Amino acid sequence: MVFDFLRRAEKAAPEQKASVTGRVVAFGNAGRVAWSARDTVSLVKHGFQGNPVGFRAVKLIAEAAAALPLILQDAERRYEVHPMLDLIRQPNPAQGRADLFEALYAQILLSGNGYLEAVPGLGDLPAELHVLRSDRMSLVPGADGWPVAYDYTVGGRKHRFDMSGGAAPICHIRSFHPQDDHYGLSPLQAAAVAIDVHSSASAWSKALLDNAARPSGAIVYRGPEGAGTLSQDQYDRLVDELESNHQGARNAGRPMLLEGGLDWKPMGFSPSDMEFHETKLSAAREIAIAFGVPPMLIGIPGDATYANYQEANRAFYRLTVLPLVSKVMASVSHWLERLSGMSAELKPDLDQVPALAAERDQQWARVGAADFLTQAEKRALLGLPRLAEEE
């Protein structure tokens, strides 16, 4: 009587090794969207190396920014010859000015972070400047949150750049990130969803061409006396014939010979299939917008008249290229000033930018016609230093 609960336990249902959530998990995965990884290496691989829109947007901005003429001036004069200009003109034995800054701008666009290394020289200025890959660099914060060092890791080997001394060997330029105190936000992260959509649409089109992902028609069998089923041998022979002679881009348009009882029924694309092209164009526009490139400049269909193209090119320089160059040059100038003690600033020469020629001509004419301004005020409005006789 006392041990009745043991007998009831013996009669219990046998144990079943199955998860109670197994069916729910299996059902949920069927409709889940597969997004690519969001780390820097994966974003660069999918958004730059594997996507033509992202590749062209980064190249367009980096090359245009690196090609801008630079001037060096302080409050007193504009320098034609200066040690800082010599350093910028030939930063290291392997790179010139355009190569160095193109790599720096591309790193900022791809990862949100750009790193310049200063190689100490005999004088006040560095002997060489080098761009370091942002995916290999990690910041070491101090107790107050400011960086005390940077670790550069390659192939399991690590080199530490000490930032606690007076001369900082690393210039870290980062984009604004609202949720990170140490690293910048890349445009690739903002455009990651559009990149996945654009790449998926391209993969779908490739599969359609190469593997006949969607049939262009159906073969209907009408046998004698209404029989609608092929024998196994007939079915295997028909499948082999289609795969070997009529599938893939190489056999596109090849005529098909049908025997008795077989009838070809063409099938068109549904409206949802036709929307893939518009979806791809929409994703391409979103990628270009994330980088600040007018879509028509990278070949996305739109109102590509000459006037619109000219205005788009001007907006591209005014809203994307110049803010990036001004920010980077201000950071580099401040960094080199701390290293050498030379108080001069690198700036883009707006008067030598062809896209801004009409805008600059109007500004020069407007300032020149202002009789109520002094010569010093006019020069200041045009970004020119003061004359010696004005002191």
Protein backbone atom coordinates (compact mmCIF):
# COMPACT_ATOMS: atom_id res chain seq x y z
CA MET A 1 0.00 0.00 0.00
CA VAL A 2 2.79 2.34 0.95
CA PHE A 3 4.75 1.56 -2.23
CA ASP A 4 1.87 1.97 -4.67
CA PHE A 5 3.47 5.07 -6.14
CA LEU A 6 6.40 2.88 -7.31
CA ARG A 7 4.04 0.59 -9.20
CA ARG A 8 2.38 3.60 -10.85
CA ALA A 9 5.83 4.81 -11.91
CA GLU A 10 6.56 1.48 -13.58
CA LYS A 11 3.41 1.81 -15.68
CA ALA A 12 4.30 5.34 -16.87
CA ALA A 13 4.71 6.07 -20.56
CA PRO A 14 8.12 5.19 -21.96
CA GLU A 15 10.62 8.06 -22.28
CA GLN A 16 10.72 9.86 -25.60
CA LYS A 17 13.93 11.74 -26.49
CA ALA A 18 12.42 14.61 -28.45
CA SER A 19 12.40 18.35 -27.98
CA VAL A 20 9.03 19.85 -27.20
CA THR A 21 10.00 22.90 -29.26
CA GLY A 22 11.38 20.95 -32.20
CA ARG A 23 8.37 21.39 -34.46
CA VAL A 24 8.06 25.07 -33.62
CA VAL A 25 11.74 25.77 -34.42
CA ALA A 26 11.59 23.81 -37.65
CA PHE A 27 8.49 25.68 -38.73
CA GLY A 28 9.96 29.10 -37.85
CA ASN A 29 13.15 28.64 -39.87
CA ALA A 30 11.25 28.04 -43.06
CA GLY A 31 10.44 31.71 -43.60
CA ARG A 32 13.39 33.40 -41.92
CA VAL A 33 15.36 35.94 -43.94
CA ALA A 34 19.07 35.14 -44.28
CA TRP A 35 21.19 38.29 -43.86
CA SER A 36 24.92 38.47 -44.36
CA ALA A 37 27.30 39.07 -41.45
CA ARG A 38 27.79 42.65 -40.27
CA ASP A 39 31.48 42.58 -39.26
CA THR A 40 33.95 44.71 -41.21
CA VAL A 41 35.58 41.87 -43.15
CA SER A 42 32.22 40.43 -44.28
CA LEU A 43 30.83 43.85 -45.19
CA VAL A 44 33.88 44.64 -47.33
CA LYS A 45 33.70 41.23 -49.00
CA HIS A 46 29.99 41.45 -49.86
CA GLY A 47 29.51 45.20 -50.19
CA PHE A 48 32.72 46.22 -51.99
CA GLN A 49 34.43 43.20 -53.52
CA GLY A 50 31.18 41.45 -54.44
CA ASN A 51 28.84 44.33 -55.30
CA PRO A 52 29.39 46.62 -58.31
CA VAL A 53 27.35 49.51 -56.88
CA GLY A 54 29.24 49.57 -53.58
CA PHE A 55 32.56 49.14 -55.41
CA ARG A 56 31.89 52.02 -57.79
CA ALA A 57 30.59 54.32 -55.04
CA VAL A 58 33.71 53.83 -52.90
CA LYS A 59 36.08 54.17 -55.86
CA LEU A 60 34.30 57.27 -57.12
CA ILE A 61 34.50 59.08 -53.78
CA ALA A 62 38.03 57.95 -52.89
CA GLU A 63 39.52 58.81 -56.29
CA ALA A 64 37.75 62.18 -56.50
CA ALA A 65 38.81 63.11 -52.96
CA ALA A 66 42.42 62.02 -53.50
CA ALA A 67 42.64 64.02 -56.75
CA LEU A 68 41.62 67.34 -55.15
CA PRO A 69 44.47 69.90 -55.18
CA LEU A 70 45.65 70.84 -51.70
CA ILE A 71 46.99 74.12 -50.37
CA LEU A 72 48.97 74.83 -47.21
CA GLN A 73 48.48 78.13 -45.49
CA ASP A 74 48.32 79.81 -42.12
CA ALA A 75 46.99 83.18 -41.02
CA GLU A 76 49.94 84.98 -42.62
CA ARG A 77 50.61 83.37 -46.01
CA ARG A 78 50.02 80.55 -48.46
CA TYR A 79 53.07 78.32 -48.84
CA GLU A 80 54.40 77.18 -52.19
CA VAL A 81 57.44 75.45 -50.68
CA HIS A 82 57.25 73.83 -47.26
CA PRO A 83 58.53 70.62 -45.58
CA MET A 84 54.95 69.54 -44.91
CA LEU A 85 54.12 69.86 -48.60
CA ASP A 86 57.17 67.74 -49.45
CA LEU A 87 56.00 65.07 -47.00
CA ILE A 88 52.48 65.03 -48.45
CA ARG A 89 53.80 64.97 -52.02
CA GLN A 90 56.00 61.90 -51.33
CA PRO A 91 54.75 60.26 -48.11
CA ASN A 92 56.71 57.02 -48.51
CA PRO A 93 58.89 55.30 -51.13
CA ALA A 94 56.02 53.15 -52.44
CA GLN A 95 53.23 55.73 -52.67
CA GLY A 96 52.58 59.24 -53.87
CA ARG A 97 50.05 61.71 -52.49
CA ALA A 98 47.11 60.41 -54.52
CA ASP A 99 47.82 56.75 -53.71
CA LEU A 100 48.15 57.42 -49.99
CA PHE A 101 44.99 59.47 -49.64
CA GLU A 102 42.94 57.20 -51.90
CA ALA A 103 43.75 54.30 -49.58
CA LEU A 104 42.95 56.44 -46.52
CA TYR A 105 39.60 57.64 -47.88
CA ALA A 106 38.67 54.11 -48.96
CA GLN A 107 39.40 52.75 -45.48
CA ILE A 108 37.17 55.40 -43.92
CA LEU A 109 34.34 54.64 -46.35
CA LEU A 110 34.61 50.86 -45.93
CA SER A 111 35.09 50.63 -42.17
CA GLY A 112 34.35 54.08 -40.76
CA ASN A 113 37.96 54.32 -39.53
CA GLY A 114 41.20 55.48 -41.11
CA TYR A 115 44.68 55.15 -39.58
CA LEU A 116 47.88 56.98 -40.54
CA GLU A 117 51.25 55.88 -39.14
CA ALA A 118 54.11 58.37 -38.73
CA VAL A 119 57.63 56.98 -39.11
CA PRO A 120 60.01 59.13 -37.03
CA GLY A 121 62.66 61.07 -38.94
CA LEU A 122 65.68 63.22 -38.15
CA GLY A 123 63.73 66.49 -38.22
CA ASP A 124 60.53 67.66 -36.64
CA LEU A 125 58.25 66.14 -39.28
CA PRO A 126 57.86 62.37 -39.78
CA ALA A 127 60.10 60.76 -42.36
CA GLU A 128 57.24 58.72 -43.86
CA LEU A 129 53.46 58.30 -43.67
CA HIS A 130 51.68 54.96 -44.11
CA VAL A 131 48.00 53.96 -44.21
CA LEU A 132 47.21 51.01 -41.93
CA ARG A 133 44.38 48.58 -42.55
CA SER A 134 41.50 49.26 -40.21
CA ASP A 135 40.48 45.59 -39.88
CA ARG A 136 43.90 44.85 -38.32
CA MET A 137 43.84 47.73 -35.84
CA SER A 138 42.32 47.66 -32.37
CA LEU A 139 42.14 50.51 -29.88
CA VAL A 140 43.33 50.12 -26.28
CA PRO A 141 41.39 52.57 -24.04
CA GLY A 142 42.76 53.95 -20.82
CA ALA A 143 41.03 54.50 -17.50
CA ASP A 144 39.59 57.79 -18.72
CA GLY A 145 38.33 56.29 -22.00
CA TRP A 146 40.91 57.96 -24.23
CA PRO A 147 43.17 55.66 -26.28
CA VAL A 148 46.52 54.87 -24.67
CA ALA A 149 47.67 52.51 -27.45
CA TYR A 150 46.76 50.86 -30.73
CA ASP A 151 47.44 47.20 -31.50
CA TYR A 152 48.15 46.22 -35.10
CA THR A 153 47.83 42.46 -35.64
CA VAL A 154 49.05 40.58 -38.72
CA GLY A 155 49.34 36.80 -38.96
CA GLY A 156 49.29 36.25 -35.22
CA ARG A 157 51.96 38.88 -34.58
CA LYS A 158 51.03 42.07 -32.74
CA HIS A 159 52.69 45.47 -32.68
CA ARG A 160 51.64 48.09 -30.14
CA PHE A 161 51.76 51.81 -30.88
CA ASP A 162 52.08 53.72 -27.62
CA MET A 163 49.93 56.88 -27.53
CA SER A 164 50.73 57.96 -23.98
CA GLY A 165 53.78 60.03 -24.96
CA GLY A 166 53.86 63.51 -26.41
CA ALA A 167 54.25 62.51 -30.09
CA ALA A 168 51.34 60.28 -31.17
CA PRO A 169 52.51 57.82 -33.87
CA ILE A 170 48.93 57.12 -35.06
CA CYS A 171 46.36 59.51 -36.50
CA HIS A 172 42.91 57.95 -36.10
CA ILE A 173 40.19 59.49 -38.28
CA ARG A 174 36.72 58.08 -37.72
CA SER A 175 33.22 58.72 -38.91
CA PHE A 176 30.48 59.63 -36.48
CA HIS A 177 28.99 56.68 -34.61
CA PRO A 178 26.12 57.41 -32.18
CA GLN A 179 26.68 54.25 -30.13
CA ASP A 180 30.46 53.77 -30.12
CA ASP A 181 33.03 55.96 -28.39
CA HIS A 182 36.07 54.52 -30.16
CA TYR A 183 35.17 53.38 -33.68
CA GLY A 184 33.32 55.01 -36.57
CA LEU A 185 30.23 53.90 -38.47
CA SER A 186 30.74 52.77 -42.05
CA PRO A 187 28.27 53.59 -44.86
CA LEU A 188 28.42 49.87 -45.65
CA GLN A 189 26.68 49.13 -42.36
CA ALA A 190 23.86 51.54 -43.16
CA ALA A 191 23.52 50.03 -46.65
CA ALA A 192 23.91 46.38 -45.57
CA VAL A 193 20.25 45.46 -46.14
CA ALA A 194 20.20 47.07 -49.59
CA ILE A 195 23.45 45.28 -50.47
CA ASP A 196 21.94 41.92 -49.52
CA VAL A 197 18.84 42.62 -51.61
CA HIS A 198 20.87 43.76 -54.63
CA SER A 199 23.23 40.77 -54.42
CA SER A 200 20.34 38.33 -54.01
CA ALA A 201 18.59 39.77 -57.07
CA SER A 202 21.81 39.40 -59.07
CA ALA A 203 22.21 35.81 -57.89
CA TRP A 204 18.61 35.05 -58.86
CA SER A 205 19.18 36.43 -62.37
CA LYS A 206 22.41 34.42 -62.72
CA ALA A 207 20.68 31.23 -61.62
CA LEU A 208 17.88 31.89 -64.10
CA LEU A 209 20.34 32.17 -66.99
CA ASP A 210 22.69 29.34 -66.06
CA ASN A 211 20.49 26.76 -64.38
CA ALA A 212 17.04 27.47 -65.83
CA ALA A 213 15.80 28.34 -62.34
CA ARG A 214 12.34 29.04 -63.76
CA PRO A 215 11.05 26.99 -66.71
CA SER A 216 10.07 28.96 -69.79
CA GLY A 217 7.43 26.38 -70.60
CA ALA A 218 6.00 22.94 -69.86
CA ILE A 219 5.85 19.70 -71.82
CA VAL A 220 2.42 18.10 -71.62
CA TYR A 221 2.01 14.40 -72.46
CA ARG A 222 -1.23 13.17 -73.97
CA GLY A 223 -0.99 9.46 -74.55
CA PRO A 224 -3.40 7.16 -76.36
CA GLU A 225 -6.89 6.83 -74.96
CA GLY A 226 -6.36 9.74 -72.55
CA ALA A 227 -3.37 8.24 -70.75
CA GLY A 228 -1.41 11.10 -69.18
CA THR A 229 1.49 9.29 -67.57
CA LEU A 230 4.87 8.42 -69.08
CA SER A 231 6.61 5.19 -68.30
CA GLN A 232 9.77 5.40 -66.19
CA ASP A 233 12.01 4.76 -69.20
CA GLN A 234 10.24 7.45 -71.23
CA TYR A 235 10.45 9.93 -68.37
CA ASP A 236 14.18 9.32 -67.79
CA ARG A 237 14.90 9.66 -71.49
CA LEU A 238 12.98 12.96 -71.69
CA VAL A 239 14.79 14.39 -68.64
CA ASP A 240 18.20 13.41 -70.05
CA GLU A 241 17.31 15.01 -73.37
CA LEU A 242 16.30 18.29 -71.72
CA GLU A 243 19.34 18.47 -69.42
CA SER A 244 21.90 17.67 -72.10
CA ASN A 245 20.53 19.58 -75.09
CA HIS A 246 18.20 22.34 -73.88
CA GLN A 247 19.34 23.58 -70.44
CA GLY A 248 21.65 26.53 -69.75
CA ALA A 249 22.67 29.67 -71.59
CA ARG A 250 24.71 27.72 -74.16
CA ASN A 251 21.56 26.05 -75.51
CA ALA A 252 19.35 29.13 -75.46
CA GLY A 253 17.03 29.24 -78.48
CA ARG A 254 17.83 25.70 -79.58
CA PRO A 255 14.80 24.03 -81.21
CA MET A 256 13.21 21.04 -79.51
CA LEU A 257 12.00 17.92 -81.31
CA LEU A 258 8.93 16.42 -79.66
CA GLU A 259 7.62 12.95 -80.40
CA GLY A 260 4.00 11.90 -80.59
CA GLY A 261 1.90 12.71 -77.59
CA LEU A 262 4.16 15.53 -76.34
CA ASP A 263 3.02 19.15 -76.54
CA TRP A 264 4.93 22.34 -75.60
CA LYS A 265 3.08 24.95 -73.54
CA PRO A 266 5.00 28.26 -73.17
CA MET A 267 4.94 29.96 -69.78
CA GLY A 268 5.57 33.66 -69.17
CA PHE A 269 6.90 35.43 -66.11
CA SER A 270 4.48 36.46 -63.43
CA PRO A 271 4.24 40.12 -62.36
CA SER A 272 6.12 39.27 -59.15
CA ASP A 273 9.01 37.87 -61.20
CA MET A 274 9.12 41.01 -63.33
CA GLU A 275 9.44 43.14 -60.15
CA PHE A 276 12.90 41.71 -59.48
CA HIS A 277 14.43 44.25 -61.85
CA GLU A 278 12.76 47.19 -60.13
CA THR A 279 13.72 45.79 -56.72
CA LYS A 280 17.34 45.57 -57.83
CA LEU A 281 17.32 49.17 -59.09
CA SER A 282 15.72 50.36 -55.85
CA ALA A 283 18.39 48.58 -53.80
CA ALA A 284 21.12 50.10 -55.99
CA ARG A 285 19.72 53.58 -55.33
CA GLU A 286 19.73 52.96 -51.59
CA ILE A 287 23.38 51.88 -51.70
CA ALA A 288 24.35 55.00 -53.65
CA ILE A 289 22.37 57.23 -51.27
CA ALA A 290 24.11 55.71 -48.24
CA PHE A 291 27.48 56.75 -49.68
CA GLY A 292 26.25 60.15 -50.83
CA VAL A 293 26.66 59.49 -54.55
CA PRO A 294 23.93 60.68 -56.94
CA PRO A 295 22.54 57.51 -58.59
CA MET A 296 22.99 58.80 -62.14
CA LEU A 297 26.75 59.18 -61.62
CA ILE A 298 27.14 55.41 -61.28
CA GLY A 299 24.83 54.46 -64.14
CA ILE A 300 21.54 53.86 -62.33
CA PRO A 301 18.68 54.79 -64.70
CA GLY A 302 16.98 58.09 -64.02
CA ASP A 303 16.73 61.63 -65.37
CA ALA A 304 20.18 61.56 -66.94
CA THR A 305 20.00 64.79 -68.96
CA TYR A 306 23.09 66.95 -69.25
CA ALA A 307 21.74 69.64 -66.91
CA ASN A 308 20.77 67.09 -64.28
CA TYR A 309 24.12 65.33 -64.59
CA GLN A 310 25.97 68.63 -64.19
CA GLU A 311 23.98 69.51 -61.08
CA ALA A 312 24.43 65.99 -59.68
CA ASN A 313 28.19 66.23 -60.18
CA ARG A 314 28.29 69.60 -58.42
CA ALA A 315 26.19 68.26 -55.55
CA PHE A 316 28.46 65.22 -55.32
CA TYR A 317 31.52 67.41 -54.78
CA ARG A 318 29.80 69.94 -52.55
CA LEU A 319 27.93 67.49 -50.28
CA THR A 320 30.15 64.39 -50.27
CA VAL A 321 33.72 64.91 -51.47
CA LEU A 322 34.51 68.31 -49.93
CA PRO A 323 33.17 67.53 -46.41
CA LEU A 324 35.20 64.31 -46.37
CA VAL A 325 38.40 65.98 -47.58
CA SER A 326 37.99 68.94 -45.23
CA LYS A 327 37.50 66.66 -42.23
CA VAL A 328 40.47 64.44 -43.06
CA MET A 329 42.80 67.35 -43.86
CA ALA A 330 41.86 69.10 -40.61
CA SER A 331 42.70 65.94 -38.62
CA VAL A 332 45.98 65.36 -40.49
CA SER A 333 47.02 69.01 -40.13
CA HIS A 334 46.31 69.01 -36.39
CA TRP A 335 48.22 65.73 -35.98
CA LEU A 336 51.26 66.95 -37.93
CA GLU A 337 51.19 70.24 -36.03
CA ARG A 338 51.42 68.36 -32.73
CA LEU A 339 54.31 66.29 -34.07
CA SER A 340 56.33 69.15 -35.56
CA GLY A 341 55.08 72.35 -33.97
CA MET A 342 54.42 73.90 -37.40
CA SER A 343 51.12 75.81 -37.37
CA ALA A 344 49.91 75.46 -40.96
CA GLU A 345 46.71 73.86 -42.26
CA LEU A 346 46.10 71.69 -45.30
CA LYS A 347 42.91 72.54 -47.18
CA PRO A 348 41.37 71.67 -50.58
CA ASP A 349 41.83 74.36 -53.23
CA LEU A 350 38.24 75.07 -54.29
CA ASP A 351 39.32 77.29 -57.19
CA GLN A 352 40.89 74.28 -58.95
CA VAL A 353 37.85 71.99 -58.78
CA PRO A 354 36.22 71.93 -62.27
CA ALA A 355 32.82 70.88 -60.89
CA LEU A 356 32.73 74.04 -58.74
CA ALA A 357 34.07 76.47 -61.37
CA ALA A 358 30.73 78.21 -62.02
CA GLU A 359 29.99 78.49 -58.32
CA ARG A 360 33.42 79.92 -57.54
CA ASP A 361 33.21 82.40 -60.43
CA GLN A 362 29.96 83.73 -59.02
CA GLN A 363 31.46 84.07 -55.56
CA TRP A 364 34.54 85.90 -56.85
CA ALA A 365 32.35 88.30 -58.86
CA ARG A 366 30.00 88.90 -55.94
CA VAL A 367 32.81 89.56 -53.46
CA GLY A 368 34.75 91.69 -55.94
CA ALA A 369 31.72 93.92 -56.59
CA ALA A 370 31.14 94.57 -52.88
CA ASP A 371 32.58 98.08 -52.56
CA PHE A 372 31.72 98.32 -48.87
CA LEU A 373 34.25 95.55 -48.04
CA THR A 374 37.93 96.16 -47.47
CA GLN A 375 40.61 94.17 -49.29
CA ALA A 376 41.32 92.22 -46.12
CA GLU A 377 37.66 91.30 -45.71
CA LYS A 378 37.38 90.23 -49.35
CA ARG A 379 40.45 87.99 -49.05
CA ALA A 380 39.06 86.46 -45.87
CA LEU A 381 35.74 85.68 -47.58
CA LEU A 382 37.59 84.00 -50.45
CA GLY A 383 39.74 81.94 -48.09
CA LEU A 384 42.96 83.81 -48.90
CA PRO A 385 45.62 84.83 -46.34
CA ARG A 386 46.34 88.42 -45.47
CA LEU A 387 48.76 90.51 -47.51
CA ALA A 388 52.00 91.66 -45.92
CA GLU A 389 51.12 95.34 -46.26
CA GLU A 390 47.89 94.80 -44.31
CA GLU A 391 49.72 93.92 -41.11
